[in-house]
Structure formats: structure tokens, C-alpha cells
Amino acid sequence: MMHCPFCKTSAHSRSSRYLSDSVKHRYYQCQNVLCSATFRSMESVESIIRQPVASDEPDDDFIQAEMDKEPKQRPSATQ
């Protein structure tokens, strides 16, 4: 959640799209009916606090299956 830059009411995220592996645009709509502003923010990875444990194979079959899946992303309407 983010606050509307105009009326400071909470704004809900409506959609988002990745610009790269670590940068994303997120689109918001103000929940104040009298304002209803729409705006976007840019979200990025600033720093890594802890990297994943270095291991050739995880001990769990479920974790390995999840790692092998392709990430899901909706196609962009502007492309």
C-alpha cells in the first residue's frame, strides 16, 4: 500500500510490470472517491541483506520442483 501523493489517502496497487529482474513499475489508484488519482511507483532491489545458501541441490523435492518452474508474468498490454 502507498499513500496518494495528492490527498494522502491510502492507494491500492492495481497492477505491476517488471522492467528488469530487479526493477518493477507498480500502478496505484487512490481509494478516496473524490480524488481517485492514479499514479505509478518504481520499485527496485536496493541491497542484498542475505544471499541464498550456496548448495548444489536442495534437500527437499518440493523446493527443487519450485526452483525448476518458470516465473509467471502476465503479458503487458503495451507490448
PDB file of N, CA and C in Angstrom:
ATOM      1  N   MET A   1       0.835  -1.174   0.000  1.00  0.00           N
ATOM      2  CA  MET A   1       0.000   0.000   0.000  1.00  0.00           C
ATOM      3  C   MET A   1       0.883   1.242   0.000  1.00  0.00           C
ATOM      4  N   MET A   2       0.385   2.255  -0.632  1.00  0.00           N
ATOM      5  CA  MET A   2       1.075   3.539  -0.676  1.00  0.00           C
ATOM      6  C   MET A   2       0.024   4.622  -0.474  1.00  0.00           C
ATOM      7  N   HIS A   3       0.460   5.786  -0.038  1.00  0.00           N
ATOM      8  CA  HIS A   3      -0.465   6.898   0.148  1.00  0.00           C
ATOM      9  C   HIS A   3      -0.523   7.730  -1.131  1.00  0.00           C
ATOM     10  N   CYS A   4      -1.700   8.255  -1.435  1.00  0.00           N
ATOM     11  CA  CYS A   4      -1.889   9.110  -2.597  1.00  0.00           C
ATOM     12  C   CYS A   4      -1.038  10.375  -2.428  1.00  0.00           C
ATOM     13  N   PRO A   5      -0.283  10.769  -3.453  1.00  0.00           N
ATOM     14  CA  PRO A   5       0.549  11.976  -3.333  1.00  0.00           C
ATOM     15  C   PRO A   5      -0.272  13.275  -3.287  1.00  0.00           C
ATOM     16  N   PHE A   6      -1.570  13.205  -3.599  1.00  0.00           N
ATOM     17  CA  PHE A   6      -2.410  14.397  -3.630  1.00  0.00           C
ATOM     18  C   PHE A   6      -3.218  14.576  -2.350  1.00  0.00           C
ATOM     19  N   CYS A   7      -3.972  13.528  -1.951  1.00  0.00           N
ATOM     20  CA  CYS A   7      -4.849  13.673  -0.782  1.00  0.00           C
ATOM     21  C   CYS A   7      -4.380  12.873   0.431  1.00  0.00           C
ATOM     22  N   LYS A   8      -3.324  12.099   0.294  1.00  0.00           N
ATOM     23  CA  LYS A   8      -2.709  11.314   1.372  1.00  0.00           C
ATOM     24  C   LYS A   8      -3.570  10.146   1.862  1.00  0.00           C
ATOM     25  N   THR A   9      -4.648   9.809   1.141  1.00  0.00           N
ATOM     26  CA  THR A   9      -5.463   8.636   1.444  1.00  0.00           C
ATOM     27  C   THR A   9      -4.726   7.402   0.929  1.00  0.00           C
ATOM     28  N   SER A  10      -5.047   6.244   1.481  1.00  0.00           N
ATOM     29  CA  SER A  10      -4.381   5.027   1.012  1.00  0.00           C
ATOM     30  C   SER A  10      -4.741   4.754  -0.450  1.00  0.00           C
ATOM     31  N   ALA A  11      -3.768   4.254  -1.176  1.00  0.00           N
ATOM     32  CA  ALA A  11      -3.962   3.894  -2.581  1.00  0.00           C
ATOM     33  C   ALA A  11      -3.636   2.415  -2.719  1.00  0.00           C
ATOM     34  N   HIS A  12      -4.431   1.712  -3.469  1.00  0.00           N
ATOM     35  CA  HIS A  12      -4.234   0.282  -3.660  1.00  0.00           C
ATOM     36  C   HIS A  12      -3.541   0.009  -4.986  1.00  0.00           C
ATOM     37  N   SER A  13      -2.699  -0.992  -4.970  1.00  0.00           N
ATOM     38  CA  SER A  13      -1.994  -1.403  -6.173  1.00  0.00           C
ATOM     39  C   SER A  13      -2.976  -2.088  -7.119  1.00  0.00           C
ATOM     40  N   ARG A  14      -3.005  -1.661  -8.363  1.00  0.00           N
ATOM     41  CA  ARG A  14      -3.913  -2.245  -9.353  1.00  0.00           C
ATOM     42  C   ARG A  14      -3.198  -3.243 -10.248  1.00  0.00           C
ATOM     43  N   SER A  15      -1.946  -2.963 -10.579  1.00  0.00           N
ATOM     44  CA  SER A  15      -1.165  -3.874 -11.426  1.00  0.00           C
ATOM     45  C   SER A  15       0.305  -3.495 -11.313  1.00  0.00           C
ATOM     46  N   SER A  16       1.143  -4.326 -11.904  1.00  0.00           N
ATOM     47  CA  SER A  16       2.575  -4.036 -11.920  1.00  0.00           C
ATOM     48  C   SER A  16       3.199  -4.719 -13.119  1.00  0.00           C
ATOM     49  N   ARG A  17       4.379  -4.243 -13.501  1.00  0.00           N
ATOM     50  CA  ARG A  17       5.117  -4.914 -14.573  1.00  0.00           C
ATOM     51  C   ARG A  17       6.604  -4.741 -14.336  1.00  0.00           C
ATOM     52  N   TYR A  18       7.339  -5.802 -14.626  1.00  0.00           N
ATOM     53  CA  TYR A  18       8.783  -5.787 -14.435  1.00  0.00           C
ATOM     54  C   TYR A  18       9.463  -5.069 -15.591  1.00  0.00           C
ATOM     55  N   LEU A  19      10.410  -4.218 -15.252  1.00  0.00           N
ATOM     56  CA  LEU A  19      11.242  -3.551 -16.247  1.00  0.00           C
ATOM     57  C   LEU A  19      12.550  -4.320 -16.409  1.00  0.00           C
ATOM     58  N   SER A  20      12.967  -4.994 -15.346  1.00  0.00           N
ATOM     59  CA  SER A  20      14.148  -5.857 -15.360  1.00  0.00           C
ATOM     60  C   SER A  20      13.988  -6.855 -14.216  1.00  0.00           C
ATOM     61  N   ASP A  21      15.011  -7.659 -13.967  1.00  0.00           N
ATOM     62  CA  ASP A  21      14.930  -8.638 -12.882  1.00  0.00           C
ATOM     63  C   ASP A  21      14.796  -7.998 -11.505  1.00  0.00           C
ATOM     64  N   SER A  22      15.246  -6.765 -11.362  1.00  0.00           N
ATOM     65  CA  SER A  22      15.222  -6.138 -10.040  1.00  0.00           C
ATOM     66  C   SER A  22      14.485  -4.795  -9.998  1.00  0.00           C
ATOM     67  N   VAL A  23      13.781  -4.432 -11.077  1.00  0.00           N
ATOM     68  CA  VAL A  23      13.044  -3.158 -11.120  1.00  0.00           C
ATOM     69  C   VAL A  23      11.625  -3.407 -11.623  1.00  0.00           C
ATOM     70  N   LYS A  24      10.661  -2.792 -10.923  1.00  0.00           N
ATOM     71  CA  LYS A  24       9.259  -3.003 -11.267  1.00  0.00           C
ATOM     72  C   LYS A  24       8.491  -1.685 -11.171  1.00  0.00           C
ATOM     73  N   HIS A  25       7.610  -1.435 -12.141  1.00  0.00           N
ATOM     74  CA  HIS A  25       6.637  -0.343 -12.047  1.00  0.00           C
ATOM     75  C   HIS A  25       5.385  -0.918 -11.394  1.00  0.00           C
ATOM     76  N   ARG A  26       4.839  -0.191 -10.411  1.00  0.00           N
ATOM     77  CA  ARG A  26       3.596  -0.607  -9.769  1.00  0.00           C
ATOM     78  C   ARG A  26       2.593   0.530  -9.948  1.00  0.00           C
ATOM     79  N   TYR A  27       1.392   0.195 -10.408  1.00  0.00           N
ATOM     80  CA  TYR A  27       0.349   1.174 -10.695  1.00  0.00           C
ATOM     81  C   TYR A  27      -0.656   1.201  -9.546  1.00  0.00           C
ATOM     82  N   TYR A  28      -1.004   2.392  -9.078  1.00  0.00           N
ATOM     83  CA  TYR A  28      -1.888   2.569  -7.918  1.00  0.00           C
ATOM     84  C   TYR A  28      -3.106   3.398  -8.282  1.00  0.00           C
ATOM     85  N   GLN A  29      -4.170   3.208  -7.493  1.00  0.00           N
ATOM     86  CA  GLN A  29      -5.365   4.052  -7.595  1.00  0.00           C
ATOM     87  C   GLN A  29      -5.760   4.484  -6.196  1.00  0.00           C
ATOM     88  N   CYS A  30      -5.986   5.782  -6.032  1.00  0.00           N
ATOM     89  CA  CYS A  30      -6.398   6.350  -4.751  1.00  0.00           C
ATOM     90  C   CYS A  30      -7.780   5.815  -4.376  1.00  0.00           C
ATOM     91  N   GLN A  31      -7.969   5.483  -3.111  1.00  0.00           N
ATOM     92  CA  GLN A  31      -9.242   4.942  -2.644  1.00  0.00           C
ATOM     93  C   GLN A  31     -10.246   6.027  -2.250  1.00  0.00           C
ATOM     94  N   ASN A  32      -9.816   7.278  -2.237  1.00  0.00           N
ATOM     95  CA  ASN A  32     -10.713   8.394  -1.956  1.00  0.00           C
ATOM     96  C   ASN A  32     -11.530   8.666  -3.218  1.00  0.00           C
ATOM     97  N   VAL A  33     -12.838   8.479  -3.153  1.00  0.00           N
ATOM     98  CA  VAL A  33     -13.714   8.634  -4.316  1.00  0.00           C
ATOM     99  C   VAL A  33     -13.653  10.057  -4.879  1.00  0.00           C
ATOM    100  N   LEU A  34     -13.465  11.038  -4.046  1.00  0.00           N
ATOM    101  CA  LEU A  34     -13.411  12.416  -4.511  1.00  0.00           C
ATOM    102  C   LEU A  34     -12.091  12.746  -5.204  1.00  0.00           C
ATOM    103  N   CYS A  35     -11.068  11.938  -4.974  1.00  0.00           N
ATOM    104  CA  CYS A  35      -9.755  12.164  -5.600  1.00  0.00           C
ATOM    105  C   CYS A  35      -9.568  11.190  -6.775  1.00  0.00           C
ATOM    106  N   SER A  36      -9.561   9.893  -6.490  1.00  0.00           N
ATOM    107  CA  SER A  36      -9.417   8.819  -7.494  1.00  0.00           C
ATOM    108  C   SER A  36      -8.203   8.977  -8.412  1.00  0.00           C
ATOM    109  N   ALA A  37      -7.147   9.582  -7.914  1.00  0.00           N
ATOM    110  CA  ALA A  37      -5.940   9.745  -8.725  1.00  0.00           C
ATOM    111  C   ALA A  37      -5.326   8.377  -9.029  1.00  0.00           C
ATOM    112  N   THR A  38      -4.690   8.269 -10.171  1.00  0.00           N
ATOM    113  CA  THR A  38      -3.919   7.073 -10.497  1.00  0.00           C
ATOM    114  C   THR A  38      -2.480   7.518 -10.721  1.00  0.00           C
ATOM    115  N   PHE A  39      -1.545   6.694 -10.266  1.00  0.00           N
ATOM    116  CA  PHE A  39      -0.125   7.019 -10.382  1.00  0.00           C
ATOM    117  C   PHE A  39       0.678   5.731 -10.341  1.00  0.00           C
ATOM    118  N   ARG A  40       1.946   5.826 -10.654  1.00  0.00           N
ATOM    119  CA  ARG A  40       2.792   4.645 -10.600  1.00  0.00           C
ATOM    120  C   ARG A  40       4.038   4.939  -9.779  1.00  0.00           C
ATOM    121  N   SER A  41       4.588   3.868  -9.238  1.00  0.00           N
ATOM    122  CA  SER A  41       5.834   3.967  -8.489  1.00  0.00           C
ATOM    123  C   SER A  41       6.852   3.040  -9.133  1.00  0.00           C
ATOM    124  N   MET A  42       8.110   3.259  -8.803  1.00  0.00           N
ATOM    125  CA  MET A  42       9.171   2.378  -9.273  1.00  0.00           C
ATOM    126  C   MET A  42       9.755   1.680  -8.057  1.00  0.00           C
ATOM    127  N   GLU A  43       9.770   0.369  -8.112  1.00  0.00           N
ATOM    128  CA  GLU A  43      10.254  -0.447  -7.001  1.00  0.00           C
ATOM    129  C   GLU A  43      11.513  -1.173  -7.475  1.00  0.00           C
ATOM    130  N   SER A  44      12.544  -1.156  -6.646  1.00  0.00           N
ATOM    131  CA  SER A  44      13.783  -1.821  -7.054  1.00  0.00           C
ATOM    132  C   SER A  44      14.474  -2.471  -5.860  1.00  0.00           C
ATOM    133  N   VAL A  45      15.340  -3.406  -6.154  1.00  0.00           N
ATOM    134  CA  VAL A  45      16.168  -4.028  -5.131  1.00  0.00           C
ATOM    135  C   VAL A  45      17.298  -3.058  -4.838  1.00  0.00           C
ATOM    136  N   GLU A  46      17.385  -2.609  -3.596  1.00  0.00           N
ATOM    137  CA  GLU A  46      18.411  -1.637  -3.222  1.00  0.00           C
ATOM    138  C   GLU A  46      19.690  -2.331  -2.776  1.00  0.00           C
ATOM    139  N   SER A  47      19.553  -3.353  -1.952  1.00  0.00           N
ATOM    140  CA  SER A  47      20.728  -4.089  -1.494  1.00  0.00           C
ATOM    141  C   SER A  47      20.304  -5.491  -1.069  1.00  0.00           C
ATOM    142  N   ILE A  48      21.246  -6.389  -1.064  1.00  0.00           N
ATOM    143  CA  ILE A  48      21.010  -7.767  -0.642  1.00  0.00           C
ATOM    144  C   ILE A  48      21.416  -7.876   0.820  1.00  0.00           C
ATOM    145  N   ILE A  49      20.503  -8.286   1.667  1.00  0.00           N
ATOM    146  CA  ILE A  49      20.784  -8.432   3.091  1.00  0.00           C
ATOM    147  C   ILE A  49      21.431  -9.792   3.363  1.00  0.00           C
ATOM    148  N   ARG A  50      20.891 -10.822   2.747  1.00  0.00           N
ATOM    149  CA  ARG A  50      21.431 -12.164   2.912  1.00  0.00           C
ATOM    150  C   ARG A  50      21.235 -12.920   1.611  1.00  0.00           C
ATOM    151  N   GLN A  51      22.299 -13.461   1.063  1.00  0.00           N
ATOM    152  CA  GLN A  51      22.207 -14.248  -0.159  1.00  0.00           C
ATOM    153  C   GLN A  51      21.749 -15.665   0.182  1.00  0.00           C
ATOM    154  N   PRO A  52      21.210 -16.389  -0.805  1.00  0.00           N
ATOM    155  CA  PRO A  52      20.802 -17.764  -0.542  1.00  0.00           C
ATOM    156  C   PRO A  52      22.005 -18.632  -0.183  1.00  0.00           C
ATOM    157  N   VAL A  53      21.723 -19.691   0.537  1.00  0.00           N
ATOM    158  CA  VAL A  53      22.774 -20.626   0.930  1.00  0.00           C
ATOM    159  C   VAL A  53      23.308 -21.303  -0.326  1.00  0.00           C
ATOM    160  N   ALA A  54      24.626 -21.344  -0.466  1.00  0.00           N
ATOM    161  CA  ALA A  54      25.251 -21.985  -1.626  1.00  0.00           C
ATOM    162  C   ALA A  54      25.160 -23.493  -1.471  1.00  0.00           C
ATOM    163  N   SER A  55      24.405 -24.111  -2.377  1.00  0.00           N
ATOM    164  CA  SER A  55      24.240 -25.558  -2.342  1.00  0.00           C
ATOM    165  C   SER A  55      23.945 -26.022  -3.752  1.00  0.00           C
ATOM    166  N   ASP A  56      24.467 -27.178  -4.112  1.00  0.00           N
ATOM    167  CA  ASP A  56      24.221 -27.707  -5.444  1.00  0.00           C
ATOM    168  C   ASP A  56      22.773 -28.152  -5.608  1.00  0.00           C
ATOM    169  N   GLU A  57      22.243 -28.854  -4.620  1.00  0.00           N
ATOM    170  CA  GLU A  57      20.863 -29.339  -4.680  1.00  0.00           C
ATOM    171  C   GLU A  57      20.182 -29.153  -3.336  1.00  0.00           C
ATOM    172  N   PRO A  58      18.937 -28.692  -3.348  1.00  0.00           N
ATOM    173  CA  PRO A  58      18.211 -28.599  -2.077  1.00  0.00           C
ATOM    174  C   PRO A  58      17.855 -29.997  -1.567  1.00  0.00           C
ATOM    175  N   ASP A  59      17.687 -30.097  -0.256  1.00  0.00           N
ATOM    176  CA  ASP A  59      17.364 -31.374   0.364  1.00  0.00           C
ATOM    177  C   ASP A  59      15.911 -31.781   0.120  1.00  0.00           C
ATOM    178  N   ASP A  60      15.064 -30.836  -0.220  1.00  0.00           N
ATOM    179  CA  ASP A  60      13.630 -31.082  -0.338  1.00  0.00           C
ATOM    180  C   ASP A  60      13.215 -31.160  -1.814  1.00  0.00           C
ATOM    181  N   ASP A  61      12.460 -32.200  -2.184  1.00  0.00           N
ATOM    182  CA  ASP A  61      11.987 -32.368  -3.563  1.00  0.00           C
ATOM    183  C   ASP A  61      11.030 -31.254  -3.972  1.00  0.00           C
ATOM    184  N   PHE A  62      10.196 -30.780  -3.038  1.00  0.00           N
ATOM    185  CA  PHE A  62       9.248 -29.708  -3.331  1.00  0.00           C
ATOM    186  C   PHE A  62       9.999 -28.422  -3.690  1.00  0.00           C
ATOM    187  N   ILE A  63      11.029 -28.113  -2.925  1.00  0.00           N
ATOM    188  CA  ILE A  63      11.813 -26.907  -3.201  1.00  0.00           C
ATOM    189  C   ILE A  63      12.474 -27.015  -4.570  1.00  0.00           C
ATOM    190  N   GLN A  64      13.000 -28.188  -4.897  1.00  0.00           N
ATOM    191  CA  GLN A  64      13.635 -28.376  -6.210  1.00  0.00           C
ATOM    192  C   GLN A  64      12.619 -28.196  -7.327  1.00  0.00           C
ATOM    193  N   ALA A  65      11.401 -28.733  -7.155  1.00  0.00           N
ATOM    194  CA  ALA A  65      10.359 -28.598  -8.175  1.00  0.00           C
ATOM    195  C   ALA A  65       9.976 -27.130  -8.369  1.00  0.00           C
ATOM    196  N   GLU A  66       9.879 -26.364  -7.288  1.00  0.00           N
ATOM    197  CA  GLU A  66       9.540 -24.941  -7.375  1.00  0.00           C
ATOM    198  C   GLU A  66      10.658 -24.152  -8.049  1.00  0.00           C
ATOM    199  N   MET A  67      11.891 -24.521  -7.796  1.00  0.00           N
ATOM    200  CA  MET A  67      13.022 -23.821  -8.406  1.00  0.00           C
ATOM    201  C   MET A  67      13.076 -24.060  -9.908  1.00  0.00           C
ATOM    202  N   ASP A  68      12.596 -25.215 -10.370  1.00  0.00           N
ATOM    203  CA  ASP A  68      12.635 -25.557 -11.788  1.00  0.00           C
ATOM    204  C   ASP A  68      11.538 -24.878 -12.598  1.00  0.00           C
ATOM    205  N   LYS A  69      10.502 -24.328 -11.926  1.00  0.00           N
ATOM    206  CA  LYS A  69       9.382 -23.685 -12.627  1.00  0.00           C
ATOM    207  C   LYS A  69       9.799 -22.333 -13.193  1.00  0.00           C
ATOM    208  N   GLU A  70       9.193 -21.971 -14.315  1.00  0.00           N
ATOM    209  CA  GLU A  70       9.390 -20.648 -14.900  1.00  0.00           C
ATOM    210  C   GLU A  70       8.545 -19.644 -14.112  1.00  0.00           C
ATOM    211  N   PRO A  71       9.043 -18.427 -13.865  1.00  0.00           N
ATOM    212  CA  PRO A  71       8.239 -17.426 -13.161  1.00  0.00           C
ATOM    213  C   PRO A  71       7.033 -17.015 -14.005  1.00  0.00           C
ATOM    214  N   LYS A  72       5.905 -16.795 -13.345  1.00  0.00           N
ATOM    215  CA  LYS A  72       4.680 -16.381 -14.034  1.00  0.00           C
ATOM    216  C   LYS A  72       4.649 -14.869 -14.134  1.00  0.00           C
ATOM    217  N   GLN A  73       4.306 -14.377 -15.303  1.00  0.00           N
ATOM    218  CA  GLN A  73       4.145 -12.937 -15.514  1.00  0.00           C
ATOM    219  C   GLN A  73       3.112 -12.722 -16.604  1.00  0.00           C
ATOM    220  N   ARG A  74       2.155 -11.858 -16.315  1.00  0.00           N
ATOM    221  CA  ARG A  74       1.122 -11.548 -17.294  1.00  0.00           C
ATOM    222  C   ARG A  74       1.723 -10.753 -18.444  1.00  0.00           C
ATOM    223  N   PRO A  75       1.244 -10.978 -19.665  1.00  0.00           N
ATOM    224  CA  PRO A  75       1.755 -10.173 -20.789  1.00  0.00           C
ATOM    225  C   PRO A  75       1.321  -8.722 -20.624  1.00  0.00           C
ATOM    226  N   SER A  76       2.194  -7.822 -21.015  1.00  0.00           N
ATOM    227  CA  SER A  76       1.922  -6.398 -20.896  1.00  0.00           C
ATOM    228  C   SER A  76       0.992  -5.947 -22.020  1.00  0.00           C
ATOM    229  N   ALA A  77       0.058  -5.066 -21.709  1.00  0.00           N
ATOM    230  CA  ALA A  77      -0.888  -4.570 -22.708  1.00  0.00           C
ATOM    231  C   ALA A  77      -0.207  -3.597 -23.685  1.00  0.00           C
ATOM    232  N   THR A  78       0.928  -3.022 -23.279  1.00  0.00           N
ATOM    233  CA  THR A  78       1.596  -2.025 -24.128  1.00  0.00           C
ATOM    234  C   THR A  78       2.607  -2.637 -25.076  1.00  0.00           C
ATOM    235  N   GLN A  79       2.852  -3.913 -24.969  1.00  0.00           N
ATOM    236  CA  GLN A  79       3.854  -4.537 -25.846  1.00  0.00           C
ATOM    237  C   GLN A  79       3.229  -5.143 -27.068  1.00  0.00           C
TER     238      GLN A  79
END
